[in-house]
Amino acid sequence: NAKNTVYLQMNSLKPEDTAVYYCNTNGGYGTPWLLPGDYWGQGTQVT
């Protein structure tokens, strides 16, 4: 929370995990738990 950073630790990766991974947040607007929010990252490729 101090860094406003979210992580995804991925272990035991499988070929079917291959995809572009996108970060998303609702920014704290509206319902606190509701996703997807309006804000998306550009994506990072995992192969």
ModelCIF file with pLDDT and N, C-alpha, C, O atoms, coordinates in Angstrom:
data_MODEL
#
_entry.id   MODEL 
#
_entity.id                         1 
_entity.type                       polymer 
_entity.pdbx_number_of_molecules   1 
#
_entity_poly.entity_id                      1 
_entity_poly.type                           'polypeptide(L)' 
_entity_poly.nstd_linkage                   no 
_entity_poly.nstd_monomer                   no 
_entity_poly.pdbx_seq_one_letter_code       NAKNTVYLQMNSLKPEDTAVYYCNTNGGYGTPWLLPGDYWGQGTQVT 
_entity_poly.pdbx_seq_one_letter_code_can   NAKNTVYLQMNSLKPEDTAVYYCNTNGGYGTPWLLPGDYWGQGTQVT 
_entity_poly.pdbx_strand_id                 A 
#
loop_
_entity_poly_seq.entity_id 
_entity_poly_seq.num 
_entity_poly_seq.mon_id 
_entity_poly_seq.hetero 
1 1  ASN n 
1 2  ALA n 
1 3  LYS n 
1 4  ASN n 
1 5  THR n 
1 6  VAL n 
1 7  TYR n 
1 8  LEU n 
1 9  GLN n 
1 10 MET n 
1 11 ASN n 
1 12 SER n 
1 13 LEU n 
1 14 LYS n 
1 15 PRO n 
1 16 GLU n 
1 17 ASP n 
1 18 THR n 
1 19 ALA n 
1 20 VAL n 
1 21 TYR n 
1 22 TYR n 
1 23 CYS n 
1 24 ASN n 
1 25 THR n 
1 26 ASN n 
1 27 GLY n 
1 28 GLY n 
1 29 TYR n 
1 30 GLY n 
1 31 THR n 
1 32 PRO n 
1 33 TRP n 
1 34 LEU n 
1 35 LEU n 
1 36 PRO n 
1 37 GLY n 
1 38 ASP n 
1 39 TYR n 
1 40 TRP n 
1 41 GLY n 
1 42 GLN n 
1 43 GLY n 
1 44 THR n 
1 45 GLN n 
1 46 VAL n 
1 47 THR n 
#
_struct_asym.id          A 
_struct_asym.entity_id   1 
#
loop_
_ma_qa_metric.id 
_ma_qa_metric.mode 
_ma_qa_metric.name 
_ma_qa_metric.software_group_id 
_ma_qa_metric.type 
1 global pLDDT . pLDDT 
2 local  pLDDT . pLDDT 
#
_ma_qa_metric_global.metric_id      1 
_ma_qa_metric_global.metric_value   93.43 
_ma_qa_metric_global.model_id       1 
_ma_qa_metric_global.ordinal_id     1 
#
loop_
_ma_qa_metric_local.label_asym_id 
_ma_qa_metric_local.label_comp_id 
_ma_qa_metric_local.label_seq_id 
_ma_qa_metric_local.metric_id 
_ma_qa_metric_local.metric_value 
_ma_qa_metric_local.model_id 
_ma_qa_metric_local.ordinal_id 
A ASN 1  2 83.00 1 1  
A ALA 2  2 85.00 1 2  
A LYS 3  2 86.00 1 3  
A ASN 4  2 88.00 1 4  
A THR 5  2 94.00 1 5  
A VAL 6  2 96.00 1 6  
A TYR 7  2 97.00 1 7  
A LEU 8  2 98.00 1 8  
A GLN 9  2 98.00 1 9  
A MET 10 2 98.00 1 10 
A ASN 11 2 98.00 1 11 
A SER 12 2 98.00 1 12 
A LEU 13 2 98.00 1 13 
A LYS 14 2 98.00 1 14 
A PRO 15 2 98.00 1 15 
A GLU 16 2 97.00 1 16 
A ASP 17 2 98.00 1 17 
A THR 18 2 98.00 1 18 
A ALA 19 2 98.00 1 19 
A VAL 20 2 98.00 1 20 
A TYR 21 2 98.00 1 21 
A TYR 22 2 98.00 1 22 
A CYS 23 2 97.00 1 23 
A ASN 24 2 97.00 1 24 
A THR 25 2 95.00 1 25 
A ASN 26 2 93.00 1 26 
A GLY 27 2 91.00 1 27 
A GLY 28 2 88.00 1 28 
A TYR 29 2 87.00 1 29 
A GLY 30 2 80.00 1 30 
A THR 31 2 81.00 1 31 
A PRO 32 2 74.00 1 32 
A TRP 33 2 78.00 1 33 
A LEU 34 2 87.00 1 34 
A LEU 35 2 91.00 1 35 
A PRO 36 2 93.00 1 36 
A GLY 37 2 93.00 1 37 
A ASP 38 2 93.00 1 38 
A TYR 39 2 95.00 1 39 
A TRP 40 2 97.00 1 40 
A GLY 41 2 97.00 1 41 
A GLN 42 2 97.00 1 42 
A GLY 43 2 97.00 1 43 
A THR 44 2 98.00 1 44 
A GLN 45 2 98.00 1 45 
A VAL 46 2 98.00 1 46 
A THR 47 2 98.00 1 47 
#
loop_
_atom_site.group_PDB 
_atom_site.id 
_atom_site.type_symbol 
_atom_site.label_atom_id 
_atom_site.label_alt_id 
_atom_site.label_comp_id 
_atom_site.label_asym_id 
_atom_site.label_entity_id 
_atom_site.label_seq_id 
_atom_site.pdbx_PDB_ins_code 
_atom_site.Cartn_x 
_atom_site.Cartn_y 
_atom_site.Cartn_z 
_atom_site.occupancy 
_atom_site.B_iso_or_equiv 
_atom_site.pdbx_formal_charge 
_atom_site.auth_seq_id 
_atom_site.auth_comp_id 
_atom_site.auth_asym_id 
_atom_site.auth_atom_id 
_atom_site.pdbx_PDB_model_num 
ATOM 1   N N  . ASN A 1 1  ? 0.808   -1.216  0.000   1.00 83.00 ? 1  ASN A N  1 
ATOM 2   C CA . ASN A 1 1  ? 0.000   0.000   0.000   1.00 83.00 ? 1  ASN A CA 1 
ATOM 3   C C  . ASN A 1 1  ? 0.846   1.273   0.000   1.00 83.00 ? 1  ASN A C  1 
ATOM 4   O O  . ASN A 1 1  ? 0.463   2.281   -0.593  1.00 83.00 ? 1  ASN A O  1 
ATOM 5   N N  . ALA A 1 2  ? 1.991   1.218   0.664   1.00 85.00 ? 2  ALA A N  1 
ATOM 6   C CA . ALA A 1 2  ? 2.865   2.384   0.708   1.00 85.00 ? 2  ALA A CA 1 
ATOM 7   C C  . ALA A 1 2  ? 3.372   2.747   -0.678  1.00 85.00 ? 2  ALA A C  1 
ATOM 8   O O  . ALA A 1 2  ? 3.576   3.922   -0.984  1.00 85.00 ? 2  ALA A O  1 
ATOM 9   N N  . LYS A 1 3  ? 3.574   1.739   -1.510  1.00 86.00 ? 3  LYS A N  1 
ATOM 10  C CA . LYS A 1 3  ? 4.070   1.957   -2.865  1.00 86.00 ? 3  LYS A CA 1 
ATOM 11  C C  . LYS A 1 3  ? 2.961   2.001   -3.906  1.00 86.00 ? 3  LYS A C  1 
ATOM 12  O O  . LYS A 1 3  ? 3.215   2.250   -5.084  1.00 86.00 ? 3  LYS A O  1 
ATOM 13  N N  . ASN A 1 4  ? 1.728   1.757   -3.467  1.00 88.00 ? 4  ASN A N  1 
ATOM 14  C CA . ASN A 1 4  ? 0.614   1.651   -4.407  1.00 88.00 ? 4  ASN A CA 1 
ATOM 15  C C  . ASN A 1 4  ? 0.935   0.673   -5.532  1.00 88.00 ? 4  ASN A C  1 
ATOM 16  O O  . ASN A 1 4  ? 0.708   0.949   -6.710  1.00 88.00 ? 4  ASN A O  1 
ATOM 17  N N  . THR A 1 5  ? 1.461   -0.460  -5.137  1.00 94.00 ? 5  THR A N  1 
ATOM 18  C CA . THR A 1 5  ? 1.897   -1.465  -6.089  1.00 94.00 ? 5  THR A CA 1 
ATOM 19  C C  . THR A 1 5  ? 1.252   -2.806  -5.765  1.00 94.00 ? 5  THR A C  1 
ATOM 20  O O  . THR A 1 5  ? 1.177   -3.215  -4.607  1.00 94.00 ? 5  THR A O  1 
ATOM 21  N N  . VAL A 1 6  ? 0.796   -3.468  -6.796  1.00 96.00 ? 6  VAL A N  1 
ATOM 22  C CA . VAL A 1 6  ? 0.240   -4.804  -6.651  1.00 96.00 ? 6  VAL A CA 1 
ATOM 23  C C  . VAL A 1 6  ? 1.143   -5.782  -7.394  1.00 96.00 ? 6  VAL A C  1 
ATOM 24  O O  . VAL A 1 6  ? 1.710   -5.455  -8.436  1.00 96.00 ? 6  VAL A O  1 
ATOM 25  N N  . TYR A 1 7  ? 1.266   -6.978  -6.845  1.00 97.00 ? 7  TYR A N  1 
ATOM 26  C CA . TYR A 1 7  ? 2.137   -7.992  -7.401  1.00 97.00 ? 7  TYR A CA 1 
ATOM 27  C C  . TYR A 1 7  ? 1.350   -9.240  -7.722  1.00 97.00 ? 7  TYR A C  1 
ATOM 28  O O  . TYR A 1 7  ? 0.315   -9.519  -7.117  1.00 97.00 ? 7  TYR A O  1 
ATOM 29  N N  . LEU A 1 8  ? 1.851   -9.976  -8.669  1.00 98.00 ? 8  LEU A N  1 
ATOM 30  C CA . LEU A 1 8  ? 1.318   -11.296 -8.958  1.00 98.00 ? 8  LEU A CA 1 
ATOM 31  C C  . LEU A 1 8  ? 2.484   -12.263 -9.050  1.00 98.00 ? 8  LEU A C  1 
ATOM 32  O O  . LEU A 1 8  ? 3.238   -12.258 -10.024 1.00 98.00 ? 8  LEU A O  1 
ATOM 33  N N  . GLN A 1 9  ? 2.624   -13.089 -8.028  1.00 98.00 ? 9  GLN A N  1 
ATOM 34  C CA . GLN A 1 9  ? 3.638   -14.130 -8.031  1.00 98.00 ? 9  GLN A CA 1 
ATOM 35  C C  . GLN A 1 9  ? 3.064   -15.347 -8.722  1.00 98.00 ? 9  GLN A C  1 
ATOM 36  O O  . GLN A 1 9  ? 2.048   -15.892 -8.291  1.00 98.00 ? 9  GLN A O  1 
ATOM 37  N N  . MET A 1 10 ? 3.707   -15.772 -9.786  1.00 98.00 ? 10 MET A N  1 
ATOM 38  C CA . MET A 1 10 ? 3.219   -16.875 -10.588 1.00 98.00 ? 10 MET A CA 1 
ATOM 39  C C  . MET A 1 10 ? 4.219   -18.013 -10.516 1.00 98.00 ? 10 MET A C  1 
ATOM 40  O O  . MET A 1 10 ? 5.360   -17.881 -10.960 1.00 98.00 ? 10 MET A O  1 
ATOM 41  N N  . ASN A 1 11 ? 3.789   -19.121 -9.957  1.00 98.00 ? 11 ASN A N  1 
ATOM 42  C CA . ASN A 1 11 ? 4.616   -20.311 -9.838  1.00 98.00 ? 11 ASN A CA 1 
ATOM 43  C C  . ASN A 1 11 ? 4.008   -21.450 -10.639 1.00 98.00 ? 11 ASN A C  1 
ATOM 44  O O  . ASN A 1 11 ? 2.840   -21.411 -11.024 1.00 98.00 ? 11 ASN A O  1 
ATOM 45  N N  . SER A 1 12 ? 4.823   -22.458 -10.877 1.00 98.00 ? 12 SER A N  1 
ATOM 46  C CA . SER A 1 12 ? 4.369   -23.645 -11.604 1.00 98.00 ? 12 SER A CA 1 
ATOM 47  C C  . SER A 1 12 ? 3.655   -23.267 -12.892 1.00 98.00 ? 12 SER A C  1 
ATOM 48  O O  . SER A 1 12 ? 2.570   -23.768 -13.188 1.00 98.00 ? 12 SER A O  1 
ATOM 49  N N  . LEU A 1 13 ? 4.270   -22.390 -13.638 1.00 98.00 ? 13 LEU A N  1 
ATOM 50  C CA . LEU A 1 13 ? 3.637   -21.867 -14.842 1.00 98.00 ? 13 LEU A CA 1 
ATOM 51  C C  . LEU A 1 13 ? 3.434   -22.943 -15.893 1.00 98.00 ? 13 LEU A C  1 
ATOM 52  O O  . LEU A 1 13 ? 4.258   -23.841 -16.067 1.00 98.00 ? 13 LEU A O  1 
ATOM 53  N N  . LYS A 1 14 ? 2.319   -22.825 -16.581 1.00 98.00 ? 14 LYS A N  1 
ATOM 54  C CA . LYS A 1 14 ? 1.933   -23.758 -17.626 1.00 98.00 ? 14 LYS A CA 1 
ATOM 55  C C  . LYS A 1 14 ? 1.832   -23.027 -18.957 1.00 98.00 ? 14 LYS A C  1 
ATOM 56  O O  . LYS A 1 14 ? 1.625   -21.813 -18.978 1.00 98.00 ? 14 LYS A O  1 
ATOM 57  N N  . PRO A 1 15 ? 1.975   -23.740 -20.063 1.00 98.00 ? 15 PRO A N  1 
ATOM 58  C CA . PRO A 1 15 ? 1.824   -23.078 -21.366 1.00 98.00 ? 15 PRO A CA 1 
ATOM 59  C C  . PRO A 1 15 ? 0.490   -22.347 -21.507 1.00 98.00 ? 15 PRO A C  1 
ATOM 60  O O  . PRO A 1 15 ? 0.424   -21.312 -22.169 1.00 98.00 ? 15 PRO A O  1 
ATOM 61  N N  . GLU A 1 16 ? -0.558  -22.865 -20.903 1.00 97.00 ? 16 GLU A N  1 
ATOM 62  C CA . GLU A 1 16 ? -1.860  -22.225 -20.987 1.00 97.00 ? 16 GLU A CA 1 
ATOM 63  C C  . GLU A 1 16 ? -1.946  -20.919 -20.204 1.00 97.00 ? 16 GLU A C  1 
ATOM 64  O O  . GLU A 1 16 ? -2.940  -20.200 -20.307 1.00 97.00 ? 16 GLU A O  1 
ATOM 65  N N  . ASP A 1 17 ? -0.918  -20.608 -19.428 1.00 98.00 ? 17 ASP A N  1 
ATOM 66  C CA . ASP A 1 17 ? -0.844  -19.315 -18.762 1.00 98.00 ? 17 ASP A CA 1 
ATOM 67  C C  . ASP A 1 17 ? -0.347  -18.216 -19.699 1.00 98.00 ? 17 ASP A C  1 
ATOM 68  O O  . ASP A 1 17 ? -0.376  -17.036 -19.348 1.00 98.00 ? 17 ASP A O  1 
ATOM 69  N N  . THR A 1 18 ? 0.102   -18.598 -20.875 1.00 98.00 ? 18 THR A N  1 
ATOM 70  C CA . THR A 1 18 ? 0.599   -17.627 -21.840 1.00 98.00 ? 18 THR A CA 1 
ATOM 71  C C  . THR A 1 18 ? -0.498  -16.640 -22.214 1.00 98.00 ? 18 THR A C  1 
ATOM 72  O O  . THR A 1 18 ? -1.574  -17.035 -22.665 1.00 98.00 ? 18 THR A O  1 
ATOM 73  N N  . ALA A 1 19 ? -0.219  -15.369 -22.026 1.00 98.00 ? 19 ALA A N  1 
ATOM 74  C CA . ALA A 1 19 ? -1.206  -14.328 -22.285 1.00 98.00 ? 19 ALA A CA 1 
ATOM 75  C C  . ALA A 1 19 ? -0.564  -12.974 -22.031 1.00 98.00 ? 19 ALA A C  1 
ATOM 76  O O  . ALA A 1 19 ? 0.538   -12.877 -21.493 1.00 98.00 ? 19 ALA A O  1 
ATOM 77  N N  . VAL A 1 20 ? -1.279  -11.941 -22.431 1.00 98.00 ? 20 VAL A N  1 
ATOM 78  C CA . VAL A 1 20 ? -0.938  -10.598 -21.991 1.00 98.00 ? 20 VAL A CA 1 
ATOM 79  C C  . VAL A 1 20 ? -1.652  -10.370 -20.671 1.00 98.00 ? 20 VAL A C  1 
ATOM 80  O O  . VAL A 1 20 ? -2.866  -10.551 -20.576 1.00 98.00 ? 20 VAL A O  1 
ATOM 81  N N  . TYR A 1 21 ? -0.912  -9.979  -19.666 1.00 98.00 ? 21 TYR A N  1 
ATOM 82  C CA . TYR A 1 21 ? -1.462  -9.755  -18.343 1.00 98.00 ? 21 TYR A CA 1 
ATOM 83  C C  . TYR A 1 21 ? -1.651  -8.262  -18.109 1.00 98.00 ? 21 TYR A C  1 
ATOM 84  O O  . TYR A 1 21 ? -0.743  -7.461  -18.331 1.00 98.00 ? 21 TYR A O  1 
ATOM 85  N N  . TYR A 1 22 ? -2.839  -7.909  -17.659 1.00 98.00 ? 22 TYR A N  1 
ATOM 86  C CA . TYR A 1 22 ? -3.208  -6.523  -17.453 1.00 98.00 ? 22 TYR A CA 1 
ATOM 87  C C  . TYR A 1 22 ? -3.520  -6.252  -15.989 1.00 98.00 ? 22 TYR A C  1 
ATOM 88  O O  . TYR A 1 22 ? -4.219  -7.026  -15.336 1.00 98.00 ? 22 TYR A O  1 
ATOM 89  N N  . CYS A 1 23 ? -3.004  -5.169  -15.495 1.00 97.00 ? 23 CYS A N  1 
ATOM 90  C CA . CYS A 1 23 ? -3.346  -4.686  -14.176 1.00 97.00 ? 23 CYS A CA 1 
ATOM 91  C C  . CYS A 1 23 ? -4.604  -3.833  -14.268 1.00 97.00 ? 23 CYS A C  1 
ATOM 92  O O  . CYS A 1 23 ? -4.821  -3.139  -15.262 1.00 97.00 ? 23 CYS A O  1 
ATOM 93  N N  . ASN A 1 24 ? -5.424  -3.885  -13.237 1.00 97.00 ? 24 ASN A N  1 
ATOM 94  C CA . ASN A 1 24 ? -6.660  -3.121  -13.234 1.00 97.00 ? 24 ASN A CA 1 
ATOM 95  C C  . ASN A 1 24 ? -6.960  -2.625  -11.826 1.00 97.00 ? 24 ASN A C  1 
ATOM 96  O O  . ASN A 1 24 ? -6.649  -3.290  -10.837 1.00 97.00 ? 24 ASN A O  1 
ATOM 97  N N  . THR A 1 25 ? -7.566  -1.450  -11.754 1.00 95.00 ? 25 THR A N  1 
ATOM 98  C CA . THR A 1 25 ? -8.021  -0.943  -10.463 1.00 95.00 ? 25 THR A CA 1 
ATOM 99  C C  . THR A 1 25 ? -9.262  -0.091  -10.649 1.00 95.00 ? 25 THR A C  1 
ATOM 100 O O  . THR A 1 25 ? -9.483  0.494   -11.709 1.00 95.00 ? 25 THR A O  1 
ATOM 101 N N  . ASN A 1 26 ? -10.066 -0.032  -9.601  1.00 93.00 ? 26 ASN A N  1 
ATOM 102 C CA . ASN A 1 26 ? -11.187 0.892   -9.605  1.00 93.00 ? 26 ASN A CA 1 
ATOM 103 C C  . ASN A 1 26 ? -10.808 2.245   -9.007  1.00 93.00 ? 26 ASN A C  1 
ATOM 104 O O  . ASN A 1 26 ? -11.615 3.174   -8.985  1.00 93.00 ? 26 ASN A O  1 
ATOM 105 N N  . GLY A 1 27 ? -9.579  2.342   -8.526  1.00 91.00 ? 27 GLY A N  1 
ATOM 106 C CA . GLY A 1 27 ? -9.082  3.590   -7.981  1.00 91.00 ? 27 GLY A CA 1 
ATOM 107 C C  . GLY A 1 27 ? -9.729  4.023   -6.688  1.00 91.00 ? 27 GLY A C  1 
ATOM 108 O O  . GLY A 1 27 ? -9.505  5.141   -6.224  1.00 91.00 ? 27 GLY A O  1 
ATOM 109 N N  . GLY A 1 28 ? -10.537 3.142   -6.094  1.00 88.00 ? 28 GLY A N  1 
ATOM 110 C CA . GLY A 1 28 ? -11.254 3.491   -4.884  1.00 88.00 ? 28 GLY A CA 1 
ATOM 111 C C  . GLY A 1 28 ? -12.539 4.249   -5.147  1.00 88.00 ? 28 GLY A C  1 
ATOM 112 O O  . GLY A 1 28 ? -13.186 4.721   -4.213  1.00 88.00 ? 28 GLY A O  1 
ATOM 113 N N  . TYR A 1 29 ? -12.910 4.367   -6.397  1.00 87.00 ? 29 TYR A N  1 
ATOM 114 C CA . TYR A 1 29 ? -14.159 5.030   -6.756  1.00 87.00 ? 29 TYR A CA 1 
ATOM 115 C C  . TYR A 1 29 ? -15.303 4.035   -6.731  1.00 87.00 ? 29 TYR A C  1 
ATOM 116 O O  . TYR A 1 29 ? -15.167 2.902   -7.193  1.00 87.00 ? 29 TYR A O  1 
ATOM 117 N N  . GLY A 1 30 ? -16.426 4.464   -6.189  1.00 80.00 ? 30 GLY A N  1 
ATOM 118 C CA . GLY A 1 30 ? -17.594 3.606   -6.158  1.00 80.00 ? 30 GLY A CA 1 
ATOM 119 C C  . GLY A 1 30 ? -17.447 2.476   -5.159  1.00 80.00 ? 30 GLY A C  1 
ATOM 120 O O  . GLY A 1 30 ? -16.818 2.627   -4.111  1.00 80.00 ? 30 GLY A O  1 
ATOM 121 N N  . THR A 1 31 ? -18.036 1.346   -5.497  1.00 81.00 ? 31 THR A N  1 
ATOM 122 C CA . THR A 1 31 ? -17.994 0.181   -4.623  1.00 81.00 ? 31 THR A CA 1 
ATOM 123 C C  . THR A 1 31 ? -16.560 -0.280  -4.441  1.00 81.00 ? 31 THR A C  1 
ATOM 124 O O  . THR A 1 31 ? -15.875 -0.552  -5.427  1.00 81.00 ? 31 THR A O  1 
ATOM 125 N N  . PRO A 1 32 ? -16.086 -0.375  -3.200  1.00 74.00 ? 32 PRO A N  1 
ATOM 126 C CA . PRO A 1 32 ? -14.655 -0.647  -2.976  1.00 74.00 ? 32 PRO A CA 1 
ATOM 127 C C  . PRO A 1 32 ? -14.139 -1.921  -3.606  1.00 74.00 ? 32 PRO A C  1 
ATOM 128 O O  . PRO A 1 32 ? -12.990 -1.968  -4.045  1.00 74.00 ? 32 PRO A O  1 
ATOM 129 N N  . TRP A 1 33 ? -14.957 -2.952  -3.661  1.00 78.00 ? 33 TRP A N  1 
ATOM 130 C CA . TRP A 1 33 ? -14.496 -4.254  -4.111  1.00 78.00 ? 33 TRP A CA 1 
ATOM 131 C C  . TRP A 1 33 ? -14.767 -4.526  -5.591  1.00 78.00 ? 33 TRP A C  1 
ATOM 132 O O  . TRP A 1 33 ? -14.354 -5.564  -6.108  1.00 78.00 ? 33 TRP A O  1 
ATOM 133 N N  . LEU A 1 34 ? -15.433 -3.636  -6.262  1.00 87.00 ? 34 LEU A N  1 
ATOM 134 C CA . LEU A 1 34 ? -15.935 -3.925  -7.601  1.00 87.00 ? 34 LEU A CA 1 
ATOM 135 C C  . LEU A 1 34 ? -14.843 -3.810  -8.661  1.00 87.00 ? 34 LEU A C  1 
ATOM 136 O O  . LEU A 1 34 ? -14.199 -2.771  -8.805  1.00 87.00 ? 34 LEU A O  1 
ATOM 137 N N  . LEU A 1 35 ? -14.655 -4.888  -9.388  1.00 91.00 ? 35 LEU A N  1 
ATOM 138 C CA . LEU A 1 35 ? -13.745 -4.933  -10.536 1.00 91.00 ? 35 LEU A CA 1 
ATOM 139 C C  . LEU A 1 35 ? -14.445 -5.617  -11.701 1.00 91.00 ? 35 LEU A C  1 
ATOM 140 O O  . LEU A 1 35 ? -15.350 -6.414  -11.458 1.00 91.00 ? 35 LEU A O  1 
ATOM 141 N N  . PRO A 1 36 ? -14.081 -5.355  -12.947 1.00 93.00 ? 36 PRO A N  1 
ATOM 142 C CA . PRO A 1 36 ? -13.008 -4.425  -13.312 1.00 93.00 ? 36 PRO A CA 1 
ATOM 143 C C  . PRO A 1 36 ? -13.402 -2.967  -13.125 1.00 93.00 ? 36 PRO A C  1 
ATOM 144 O O  . PRO A 1 36 ? -14.557 -2.581  -13.304 1.00 93.00 ? 36 PRO A O  1 
ATOM 145 N N  . GLY A 1 37 ? -12.417 -2.185  -12.766 1.00 93.00 ? 37 GLY A N  1 
ATOM 146 C CA . GLY A 1 37 ? -12.592 -0.757  -12.707 1.00 93.00 ? 37 GLY A CA 1 
ATOM 147 C C  . GLY A 1 37 ? -12.270 -0.126  -14.041 1.00 93.00 ? 37 GLY A C  1 
ATOM 148 O O  . GLY A 1 37 ? -12.052 -0.813  -15.039 1.00 93.00 ? 37 GLY A O  1 
ATOM 149 N N  . ASP A 1 38 ? -12.245 1.172   -14.042 1.00 93.00 ? 38 ASP A N  1 
ATOM 150 C CA . ASP A 1 38 ? -12.057 1.917   -15.287 1.00 93.00 ? 38 ASP A CA 1 
ATOM 151 C C  . ASP A 1 38 ? -10.604 2.056   -15.720 1.00 93.00 ? 38 ASP A C  1 
ATOM 152 O O  . ASP A 1 38 ? -10.320 2.543   -16.814 1.00 93.00 ? 38 ASP A O  1 
ATOM 153 N N  . TYR A 1 39 ? -9.693  1.629   -14.865 1.00 95.00 ? 39 TYR A N  1 
ATOM 154 C CA . TYR A 1 39 ? -8.284  1.920   -15.114 1.00 95.00 ? 39 TYR A CA 1 
ATOM 155 C C  . TYR A 1 39 ? -7.506  0.648   -15.409 1.00 95.00 ? 39 TYR A C  1 
ATOM 156 O O  . TYR A 1 39 ? -7.509  -0.303  -14.627 1.00 95.00 ? 39 TYR A O  1 
ATOM 157 N N  . TRP A 1 40 ? -6.843  0.656   -16.554 1.00 97.00 ? 40 TRP A N  1 
ATOM 158 C CA . TRP A 1 40 ? -6.072  -0.486  -17.026 1.00 97.00 ? 40 TRP A CA 1 
ATOM 159 C C  . TRP A 1 40 ? -4.642  -0.097  -17.334 1.00 97.00 ? 40 TRP A C  1 
ATOM 160 O O  . TRP A 1 40 ? -4.372  1.014   -17.791 1.00 97.00 ? 40 TRP A O  1 
ATOM 161 N N  . GLY A 1 41 ? -3.730  -1.018  -17.080 1.00 97.00 ? 41 GLY A N  1 
ATOM 162 C CA . GLY A 1 41 ? -2.376  -0.855  -17.552 1.00 97.00 ? 41 GLY A CA 1 
ATOM 163 C C  . GLY A 1 41 ? -2.273  -1.244  -19.013 1.00 97.00 ? 41 GLY A C  1 
ATOM 164 O O  . GLY A 1 41 ? -3.250  -1.684  -19.619 1.00 97.00 ? 41 GLY A O  1 
ATOM 165 N N  . GLN A 1 42 ? -1.097  -1.082  -19.569 1.00 97.00 ? 42 GLN A N  1 
ATOM 166 C CA . GLN A 1 42 ? -0.876  -1.385  -20.980 1.00 97.00 ? 42 GLN A CA 1 
ATOM 167 C C  . GLN A 1 42 ? -0.662  -2.868  -21.246 1.00 97.00 ? 42 GLN A C  1 
ATOM 168 O O  . GLN A 1 42 ? -0.730  -3.311  -22.392 1.00 97.00 ? 42 GLN A O  1 
ATOM 169 N N  . GLY A 1 43 ? -0.408  -3.625  -20.211 1.00 97.00 ? 43 GLY A N  1 
ATOM 170 C CA . GLY A 1 43 ? -0.227  -5.050  -20.351 1.00 97.00 ? 43 GLY A CA 1 
ATOM 171 C C  . GLY A 1 43 ? 1.230   -5.453  -20.426 1.00 97.00 ? 43 GLY A C  1 
ATOM 172 O O  . GLY A 1 43 ? 2.082   -4.689  -20.879 1.00 97.00 ? 43 GLY A O  1 
ATOM 173 N N  . THR A 1 44 ? 1.502   -6.658  -19.976 1.00 98.00 ? 44 THR A N  1 
ATOM 174 C CA . THR A 1 44 ? 2.836   -7.233  -20.074 1.00 98.00 ? 44 THR A CA 1 
ATOM 175 C C  . THR A 1 44 ? 2.708   -8.681  -20.531 1.00 98.00 ? 44 THR A C  1 
ATOM 176 O O  . THR A 1 44 ? 1.878   -9.435  -20.024 1.00 98.00 ? 44 THR A O  1 
ATOM 177 N N  . GLN A 1 45 ? 3.532   -9.051  -21.483 1.00 98.00 ? 45 GLN A N  1 
ATOM 178 C CA . GLN A 1 45 ? 3.441   -10.374 -22.091 1.00 98.00 ? 45 GLN A CA 1 
ATOM 179 C C  . GLN A 1 45 ? 4.108   -11.418 -21.216 1.00 98.00 ? 45 GLN A C  1 
ATOM 180 O O  . GLN A 1 45 ? 5.245   -11.248 -20.775 1.00 98.00 ? 45 GLN A O  1 
ATOM 181 N N  . VAL A 1 46 ? 3.389   -12.495 -20.974 1.00 98.00 ? 46 VAL A N  1 
ATOM 182 C CA . VAL A 1 46 ? 3.934   -13.667 -20.304 1.00 98.00 ? 46 VAL A CA 1 
ATOM 183 C C  . VAL A 1 46 ? 3.844   -14.838 -21.270 1.00 98.00 ? 46 VAL A C  1 
ATOM 184 O O  . VAL A 1 46 ? 2.760   -15.190 -21.734 1.00 98.00 ? 46 VAL A O  1 
ATOM 185 N N  . THR A 1 47 ? 4.975   -15.430 -21.564 1.00 98.00 ? 47 THR A N  1 
ATOM 186 C CA . THR A 1 47 ? 5.021   -16.567 -22.464 1.00 98.00 ? 47 THR A CA 1 
ATOM 187 C C  . THR A 1 47 ? 5.656   -17.742 -21.741 1.00 98.00 ? 47 THR A C  1 
ATOM 188 O O  . THR A 1 47 ? 5.798   -18.819 -22.319 1.00 98.00 ? 47 THR A O  1 
#
